[in-house]
Amino acid sequence: MKRRDFITLLGGAAAWPLTARAQQPALSVIGFLAEGTPDSEPGALPAFHQGLREIGYVEGRNVQVDYRWSGEQRDLLD
C-alpha cells in the first residue's frame, strides 16, 4: 500500500465518527399542557407515556416532551 493511500484511509477513518454523529435526526418536540399539577393528576403522565410508546415514541430517544401545568390558574389554558 502506498503511503498516500494509507494517509487517505487513516484520515477517512478518523472523520467517520464525526459525520455519523452529524447525520443524527433532530428530536421531535411534543407539548404536554394540562390542568392542575403533576401531583393532582397522578395518572396523567403514565397514561401519556404509554400512549407515546404505543405509537413508537420514547422520551429522550426520539421525542422531547415540554411539560406545562396550569396549577390553579385555569385561565392560562384559554
PDB file of N, CA and C in Angstrom:
ATOM      1  N   MET A   1       0.847  -1.166   0.000  1.00  0.00           N
ATOM      2  CA  MET A   1       0.000   0.000   0.000  1.00  0.00           C
ATOM      3  C   MET A   1       0.896   1.233   0.000  1.00  0.00           C
ATOM      4  N   LYS A   2       0.550   2.170  -0.821  1.00  0.00           N
ATOM      5  CA  LYS A   2       1.344   3.388  -0.896  1.00  0.00           C
ATOM      6  C   LYS A   2       1.054   4.285   0.297  1.00  0.00           C
ATOM      7  N   ARG A   3       2.027   5.087   0.599  1.00  0.00           N
ATOM      8  CA  ARG A   3       1.942   5.984   1.735  1.00  0.00           C
ATOM      9  C   ARG A   3       0.754   6.936   1.614  1.00  0.00           C
ATOM     10  N   ARG A   4       0.517   7.491   0.444  1.00  0.00           N
ATOM     11  CA  ARG A   4      -0.579   8.431   0.223  1.00  0.00           C
ATOM     12  C   ARG A   4      -1.930   7.738   0.436  1.00  0.00           C
ATOM     13  N   ASP A   5      -2.084   6.522  -0.047  1.00  0.00           N
ATOM     14  CA  ASP A   5      -3.322   5.767   0.142  1.00  0.00           C
ATOM     15  C   ASP A   5      -3.566   5.487   1.618  1.00  0.00           C
ATOM     16  N   PHE A   6      -2.505   5.159   2.341  1.00  0.00           N
ATOM     17  CA  PHE A   6      -2.623   4.872   3.759  1.00  0.00           C
ATOM     18  C   PHE A   6      -3.077   6.116   4.528  1.00  0.00           C
ATOM     19  N   ILE A   7      -2.500   7.268   4.222  1.00  0.00           N
ATOM     20  CA  ILE A   7      -2.865   8.517   4.902  1.00  0.00           C
ATOM     21  C   ILE A   7      -4.317   8.882   4.592  1.00  0.00           C
ATOM     22  N   THR A   8      -4.747   8.690   3.355  1.00  0.00           N
ATOM     23  CA  THR A   8      -6.137   8.965   2.983  1.00  0.00           C
ATOM     24  C   THR A   8      -7.089   8.049   3.744  1.00  0.00           C
ATOM     25  N   LEU A   9      -6.749   6.789   3.832  1.00  0.00           N
ATOM     26  CA  LEU A   9      -7.571   5.830   4.556  1.00  0.00           C
ATOM     27  C   LEU A   9      -7.645   6.178   6.037  1.00  0.00           C
ATOM     28  N   LEU A  10      -6.528   6.524   6.616  1.00  0.00           N
ATOM     29  CA  LEU A  10      -6.476   6.879   8.027  1.00  0.00           C
ATOM     30  C   LEU A  10      -7.298   8.137   8.311  1.00  0.00           C
ATOM     31  N   GLY A  11      -7.190   9.139   7.445  1.00  0.00           N
ATOM     32  CA  GLY A  11      -7.961  10.371   7.623  1.00  0.00           C
ATOM     33  C   GLY A  11      -9.454  10.134   7.500  1.00  0.00           C
ATOM     34  N   GLY A  12      -9.860   9.288   6.556  1.00  0.00           N
ATOM     35  CA  GLY A  12     -11.277   8.958   6.408  1.00  0.00           C
ATOM     36  C   GLY A  12     -11.823   8.214   7.605  1.00  0.00           C
ATOM     37  N   ALA A  13     -11.020   7.312   8.157  1.00  0.00           N
ATOM     38  CA  ALA A  13     -11.451   6.551   9.334  1.00  0.00           C
ATOM     39  C   ALA A  13     -11.584   7.461  10.548  1.00  0.00           C
ATOM     40  N   ALA A  14     -10.729   8.461  10.667  1.00  0.00           N
ATOM     41  CA  ALA A  14     -10.790   9.383  11.799  1.00  0.00           C
ATOM     42  C   ALA A  14     -12.006  10.303  11.704  1.00  0.00           C
ATOM     43  N   ALA A  15     -12.413  10.668  10.490  1.00  0.00           N
ATOM     44  CA  ALA A  15     -13.540  11.587  10.300  1.00  0.00           C
ATOM     45  C   ALA A  15     -14.887  10.880  10.335  1.00  0.00           C
ATOM     46  N   TRP A  16     -14.919   9.566  10.185  1.00  0.00           N
ATOM     47  CA  TRP A  16     -16.179   8.838  10.108  1.00  0.00           C
ATOM     48  C   TRP A  16     -17.086   9.029  11.328  1.00  0.00           C
ATOM     49  N   PRO A  17     -16.584   8.958  12.571  1.00  0.00           N
ATOM     50  CA  PRO A  17     -17.494   9.172  13.713  1.00  0.00           C
ATOM     51  C   PRO A  17     -18.117  10.564  13.714  1.00  0.00           C
ATOM     52  N   LEU A  18     -17.403  11.560  13.255  1.00  0.00           N
ATOM     53  CA  LEU A  18     -17.945  12.920  13.219  1.00  0.00           C
ATOM     54  C   LEU A  18     -19.082  13.029  12.217  1.00  0.00           C
ATOM     55  N   THR A  19     -18.936  12.439  11.050  1.00  0.00           N
ATOM     56  CA  THR A  19     -20.002  12.515  10.060  1.00  0.00           C
ATOM     57  C   THR A  19     -21.191  11.667  10.478  1.00  0.00           C
ATOM     58  N   ALA A  20     -20.954  10.551  11.126  1.00  0.00           N
ATOM     59  CA  ALA A  20     -22.062   9.721  11.588  1.00  0.00           C
ATOM     60  C   ALA A  20     -22.875  10.443  12.651  1.00  0.00           C
ATOM     61  N   ARG A  21     -22.226  11.139  13.543  1.00  0.00           N
ATOM     62  CA  ARG A  21     -22.912  11.895  14.580  1.00  0.00           C
ATOM     63  C   ARG A  21     -23.672  13.069  13.989  1.00  0.00           C
ATOM     64  N   ALA A  22     -23.135  13.720  12.997  1.00  0.00           N
ATOM     65  CA  ALA A  22     -23.772  14.880  12.391  1.00  0.00           C
ATOM     66  C   ALA A  22     -25.045  14.513  11.647  1.00  0.00           C
ATOM     67  N   GLN A  23     -25.205  13.270  11.253  1.00  0.00           N
ATOM     68  CA  GLN A  23     -26.378  12.863  10.495  1.00  0.00           C
ATOM     69  C   GLN A  23     -27.511  12.351  11.371  1.00  0.00           C
ATOM     70  N   GLN A  24     -27.394  12.472  12.687  1.00  0.00           N
ATOM     71  CA  GLN A  24     -28.461  12.050  13.582  1.00  0.00           C
ATOM     72  C   GLN A  24     -29.667  12.973  13.385  1.00  0.00           C
ATOM     73  N   PRO A  25     -30.872  12.423  13.250  1.00  0.00           N
ATOM     74  CA  PRO A  25     -32.052  13.273  13.083  1.00  0.00           C
ATOM     75  C   PRO A  25     -32.363  14.034  14.367  1.00  0.00           C
ATOM     76  N   ALA A  26     -32.954  15.200  14.220  1.00  0.00           N
ATOM     77  CA  ALA A  26     -33.328  16.001  15.370  1.00  0.00           C
ATOM     78  C   ALA A  26     -34.519  15.350  16.075  1.00  0.00           C
ATOM     79  N   LEU A  27     -34.619  15.562  17.368  1.00  0.00           N
ATOM     80  CA  LEU A  27     -35.744  15.037  18.123  1.00  0.00           C
ATOM     81  C   LEU A  27     -37.006  15.817  17.792  1.00  0.00           C
ATOM     82  N   SER A  28     -38.118  15.123  17.689  1.00  0.00           N
ATOM     83  CA  SER A  28     -39.409  15.787  17.582  1.00  0.00           C
ATOM     84  C   SER A  28     -39.746  16.345  18.952  1.00  0.00           C
ATOM     85  N   VAL A  29     -40.515  17.424  18.983  1.00  0.00           N
ATOM     86  CA  VAL A  29     -40.897  18.042  20.251  1.00  0.00           C
ATOM     87  C   VAL A  29     -42.412  18.018  20.368  1.00  0.00           C
ATOM     88  N   ILE A  30     -42.897  17.529  21.501  1.00  0.00           N
ATOM     89  CA  ILE A  30     -44.324  17.480  21.795  1.00  0.00           C
ATOM     90  C   ILE A  30     -44.569  18.327  23.031  1.00  0.00           C
ATOM     91  N   GLY A  31     -45.623  19.126  23.006  1.00  0.00           N
ATOM     92  CA  GLY A  31     -46.007  19.905  24.168  1.00  0.00           C
ATOM     93  C   GLY A  31     -47.097  19.187  24.944  1.00  0.00           C
ATOM     94  N   PHE A  32     -46.927  19.072  26.248  1.00  0.00           N
ATOM     95  CA  PHE A  32     -47.921  18.462  27.131  1.00  0.00           C
ATOM     96  C   PHE A  32     -48.475  19.575  27.995  1.00  0.00           C
ATOM     97  N   LEU A  33     -49.722  19.930  27.784  1.00  0.00           N
ATOM     98  CA  LEU A  33     -50.372  21.009  28.517  1.00  0.00           C
ATOM     99  C   LEU A  33     -51.513  20.413  29.322  1.00  0.00           C
ATOM    100  N   ALA A  34     -51.496  20.628  30.631  1.00  0.00           N
ATOM    101  CA  ALA A  34     -52.524  20.022  31.473  1.00  0.00           C
ATOM    102  C   ALA A  34     -52.951  20.971  32.582  1.00  0.00           C
ATOM    103  N   GLU A  35     -54.159  20.714  33.059  1.00  0.00           N
ATOM    104  CA  GLU A  35     -54.718  21.465  34.162  1.00  0.00           C
ATOM    105  C   GLU A  35     -54.164  20.903  35.465  1.00  0.00           C
ATOM    106  N   GLY A  36     -54.063  21.730  36.475  1.00  0.00           N
ATOM    107  CA  GLY A  36     -53.609  21.267  37.777  1.00  0.00           C
ATOM    108  C   GLY A  36     -52.091  21.189  37.870  1.00  0.00           C
ATOM    109  N   THR A  37     -51.625  20.203  38.640  1.00  0.00           N
ATOM    110  CA  THR A  37     -50.195  19.983  38.846  1.00  0.00           C
ATOM    111  C   THR A  37     -49.909  18.498  38.621  1.00  0.00           C
ATOM    112  N   PRO A  38     -48.654  18.132  38.485  1.00  0.00           N
ATOM    113  CA  PRO A  38     -48.347  16.702  38.337  1.00  0.00           C
ATOM    114  C   PRO A  38     -48.847  15.867  39.520  1.00  0.00           C
ATOM    115  N   ASP A  39     -48.848  16.454  40.719  1.00  0.00           N
ATOM    116  CA  ASP A  39     -49.317  15.728  41.904  1.00  0.00           C
ATOM    117  C   ASP A  39     -50.838  15.589  41.932  1.00  0.00           C
ATOM    118  N   SER A  40     -51.555  16.561  41.366  1.00  0.00           N
ATOM    119  CA  SER A  40     -53.018  16.499  41.394  1.00  0.00           C
ATOM    120  C   SER A  40     -53.575  15.553  40.330  1.00  0.00           C
ATOM    121  N   GLU A  41     -52.785  15.210  39.343  1.00  0.00           N
ATOM    122  CA  GLU A  41     -53.193  14.298  38.271  1.00  0.00           C
ATOM    123  C   GLU A  41     -52.163  13.164  38.146  1.00  0.00           C
ATOM    124  N   PRO A  42     -52.091  12.262  39.136  1.00  0.00           N
ATOM    125  CA  PRO A  42     -51.028  11.250  39.135  1.00  0.00           C
ATOM    126  C   PRO A  42     -51.100  10.256  37.978  1.00  0.00           C
ATOM    127  N   GLY A  43     -52.258  10.042  37.386  1.00  0.00           N
ATOM    128  CA  GLY A  43     -52.374   9.080  36.297  1.00  0.00           C
ATOM    129  C   GLY A  43     -52.130   9.662  34.921  1.00  0.00           C
ATOM    130  N   ALA A  44     -52.037  10.986  34.827  1.00  0.00           N
ATOM    131  CA  ALA A  44     -51.926  11.636  33.519  1.00  0.00           C
ATOM    132  C   ALA A  44     -50.605  11.305  32.819  1.00  0.00           C
ATOM    133  N   LEU A  45     -49.511  11.422  33.505  1.00  0.00           N
ATOM    134  CA  LEU A  45     -48.213  11.194  32.861  1.00  0.00           C
ATOM    135  C   LEU A  45     -47.970   9.737  32.486  1.00  0.00           C
ATOM    136  N   PRO A  46     -48.268   8.774  33.354  1.00  0.00           N
ATOM    137  CA  PRO A  46     -48.087   7.379  32.925  1.00  0.00           C
ATOM    138  C   PRO A  46     -48.938   7.024  31.704  1.00  0.00           C
ATOM    139  N   ALA A  47     -50.173   7.516  31.660  1.00  0.00           N
ATOM    140  CA  ALA A  47     -51.033   7.244  30.504  1.00  0.00           C
ATOM    141  C   ALA A  47     -50.477   7.914  29.251  1.00  0.00           C
ATOM    142  N   PHE A  48     -49.978   9.119  29.389  1.00  0.00           N
ATOM    143  CA  PHE A  48     -49.387   9.840  28.264  1.00  0.00           C
ATOM    144  C   PHE A  48     -48.168   9.098  27.721  1.00  0.00           C
ATOM    145  N   HIS A  49     -47.289   8.662  28.627  1.00  0.00           N
ATOM    146  CA  HIS A  49     -46.085   7.936  28.214  1.00  0.00           C
ATOM    147  C   HIS A  49     -46.425   6.587  27.564  1.00  0.00           C
ATOM    148  N   GLN A  50     -47.444   5.914  28.094  1.00  0.00           N
ATOM    149  CA  GLN A  50     -47.874   4.655  27.496  1.00  0.00           C
ATOM    150  C   GLN A  50     -48.385   4.885  26.074  1.00  0.00           C
ATOM    151  N   GLY A  51     -49.166   5.940  25.886  1.00  0.00           N
ATOM    152  CA  GLY A  51     -49.657   6.269  24.551  1.00  0.00           C
ATOM    153  C   GLY A  51     -48.519   6.573  23.585  1.00  0.00           C
ATOM    154  N   LEU A  52     -47.509   7.281  24.060  1.00  0.00           N
ATOM    155  CA  LEU A  52     -46.342   7.562  23.211  1.00  0.00           C
ATOM    156  C   LEU A  52     -45.648   6.267  22.804  1.00  0.00           C
ATOM    157  N   ARG A  53     -45.447   5.357  23.766  1.00  0.00           N
ATOM    158  CA  ARG A  53     -44.789   4.080  23.463  1.00  0.00           C
ATOM    159  C   ARG A  53     -45.585   3.272  22.444  1.00  0.00           C
ATOM    160  N   GLU A  54     -46.902   3.311  22.549  1.00  0.00           N
ATOM    161  CA  GLU A  54     -47.744   2.548  21.625  1.00  0.00           C
ATOM    162  C   GLU A  54     -47.596   3.007  20.177  1.00  0.00           C
ATOM    163  N   ILE A  55     -47.247   4.275  19.989  1.00  0.00           N
ATOM    164  CA  ILE A  55     -47.059   4.774  18.617  1.00  0.00           C
ATOM    165  C   ILE A  55     -45.585   4.910  18.244  1.00  0.00           C
ATOM    166  N   GLY A  56     -44.710   4.357  19.094  1.00  0.00           N
ATOM    167  CA  GLY A  56     -43.299   4.259  18.734  1.00  0.00           C
ATOM    168  C   GLY A  56     -42.390   5.372  19.219  1.00  0.00           C
ATOM    169  N   TYR A  57     -42.853   6.182  20.159  1.00  0.00           N
ATOM    170  CA  TYR A  57     -42.021   7.263  20.674  1.00  0.00           C
ATOM    171  C   TYR A  57     -41.534   6.936  22.080  1.00  0.00           C
ATOM    172  N   VAL A  58     -40.264   7.231  22.339  1.00  0.00           N
ATOM    173  CA  VAL A  58     -39.678   7.069  23.664  1.00  0.00           C
ATOM    174  C   VAL A  58     -39.016   8.388  24.022  1.00  0.00           C
ATOM    175  N   GLU A  59     -39.463   8.963  25.136  1.00  0.00           N
ATOM    176  CA  GLU A  59     -38.942  10.267  25.534  1.00  0.00           C
ATOM    177  C   GLU A  59     -37.429  10.204  25.734  1.00  0.00           C
ATOM    178  N   GLY A  60     -36.732  11.158  25.142  1.00  0.00           N
ATOM    179  CA  GLY A  60     -35.280  11.213  25.234  1.00  0.00           C
ATOM    180  C   GLY A  60     -34.576  10.452  24.129  1.00  0.00           C
ATOM    181  N   ARG A  61     -35.252   9.509  23.507  1.00  0.00           N
ATOM    182  CA  ARG A  61     -34.639   8.751  22.420  1.00  0.00           C
ATOM    183  C   ARG A  61     -35.037   9.329  21.061  1.00  0.00           C
ATOM    184  N   ASN A  62     -36.336   9.475  20.816  1.00  0.00           N
ATOM    185  CA  ASN A  62     -36.764  10.001  19.519  1.00  0.00           C
ATOM    186  C   ASN A  62     -37.815  11.102  19.651  1.00  0.00           C
ATOM    187  N   VAL A  63     -38.083  11.543  20.878  1.00  0.00           N
ATOM    188  CA  VAL A  63     -39.013  12.649  21.091  1.00  0.00           C
ATOM    189  C   VAL A  63     -38.631  13.383  22.376  1.00  0.00           C
ATOM    190  N   GLN A  64     -38.849  14.689  22.354  1.00  0.00           N
ATOM    191  CA  GLN A  64     -38.655  15.514  23.540  1.00  0.00           C
ATOM    192  C   GLN A  64     -40.024  16.034  23.938  1.00  0.00           C
ATOM    193  N   VAL A  65     -40.337  16.017  25.222  1.00  0.00           N
ATOM    194  CA  VAL A  65     -41.631  16.490  25.696  1.00  0.00           C
ATOM    195  C   VAL A  65     -41.422  17.714  26.572  1.00  0.00           C
ATOM    196  N   ASP A  66     -42.142  18.799  26.256  1.00  0.00           N
ATOM    197  CA  ASP A  66     -42.132  20.000  27.088  1.00  0.00           C
ATOM    198  C   ASP A  66     -43.412  19.993  27.905  1.00  0.00           C
ATOM    199  N   TYR A  67     -43.285  19.934  29.223  1.00  0.00           N
ATOM    200  CA  TYR A  67     -44.432  19.835  30.124  1.00  0.00           C
ATOM    201  C   TYR A  67     -44.801  21.215  30.648  1.00  0.00           C
ATOM    202  N   ARG A  68     -46.102  21.507  30.649  1.00  0.00           N
ATOM    203  CA  ARG A  68     -46.624  22.747  31.221  1.00  0.00           C
ATOM    204  C   ARG A  68     -47.906  22.410  31.975  1.00  0.00           C
ATOM    205  N   TRP A  69     -47.993  22.893  33.204  1.00  0.00           N
ATOM    206  CA  TRP A  69     -49.159  22.670  34.038  1.00  0.00           C
ATOM    207  C   TRP A  69     -49.732  24.027  34.430  1.00  0.00           C
ATOM    208  N   SER A  70     -51.053  24.149  34.468  1.00  0.00           N
ATOM    209  CA  SER A  70     -51.675  25.440  34.771  1.00  0.00           C
ATOM    210  C   SER A  70     -51.758  25.707  36.260  1.00  0.00           C
ATOM    211  N   GLY A  71     -51.608  24.687  37.067  1.00  0.00           N
ATOM    212  CA  GLY A  71     -51.745  24.879  38.512  1.00  0.00           C
ATOM    213  C   GLY A  71     -53.180  25.258  38.833  1.00  0.00           C
ATOM    214  N   GLU A  72     -53.343  26.268  39.618  1.00  0.00           N
ATOM    215  CA  GLU A  72     -54.689  26.736  39.989  1.00  0.00           C
ATOM    216  C   GLU A  72     -55.192  27.818  39.036  1.00  0.00           C
ATOM    217  N   GLN A  73     -54.434  28.167  38.025  1.00  0.00           N
ATOM    218  CA  GLN A  73     -54.803  29.265  37.119  1.00  0.00           C
ATOM    219  C   GLN A  73     -55.394  28.705  35.827  1.00  0.00           C
ATOM    220  N   ARG A  74     -56.671  28.353  35.865  1.00  0.00           N
ATOM    221  CA  ARG A  74     -57.340  27.762  34.704  1.00  0.00           C
ATOM    222  C   ARG A  74     -57.360  28.697  33.509  1.00  0.00           C
ATOM    223  N   ASP A  75     -57.317  30.012  33.742  1.00  0.00           N
ATOM    224  CA  ASP A  75     -57.366  30.973  32.638  1.00  0.00           C
ATOM    225  C   ASP A  75     -56.116  30.882  31.746  1.00  0.00           C
ATOM    226  N   LEU A  76     -55.056  30.271  32.237  1.00  0.00           N
ATOM    227  CA  LEU A  76     -53.853  30.098  31.412  1.00  0.00           C
ATOM    228  C   LEU A  76     -54.098  29.138  30.260  1.00  0.00           C
ATOM    229  N   LEU A  77     -55.102  28.282  30.363  1.00  0.00           N
ATOM    230  CA  LEU A  77     -55.389  27.311  29.320  1.00  0.00           C
ATOM    231  C   LEU A  77     -56.249  27.887  28.196  1.00  0.00           C
ATOM    232  N   ASP A  78     -56.813  29.055  28.387  1.00  0.00           N
ATOM    233  CA  ASP A  78     -57.664  29.673  27.356  1.00  0.00           C
ATOM    234  C   ASP A  78     -56.871  30.212  26.208  1.00  0.00           C
TER     235      ASP A  78
END
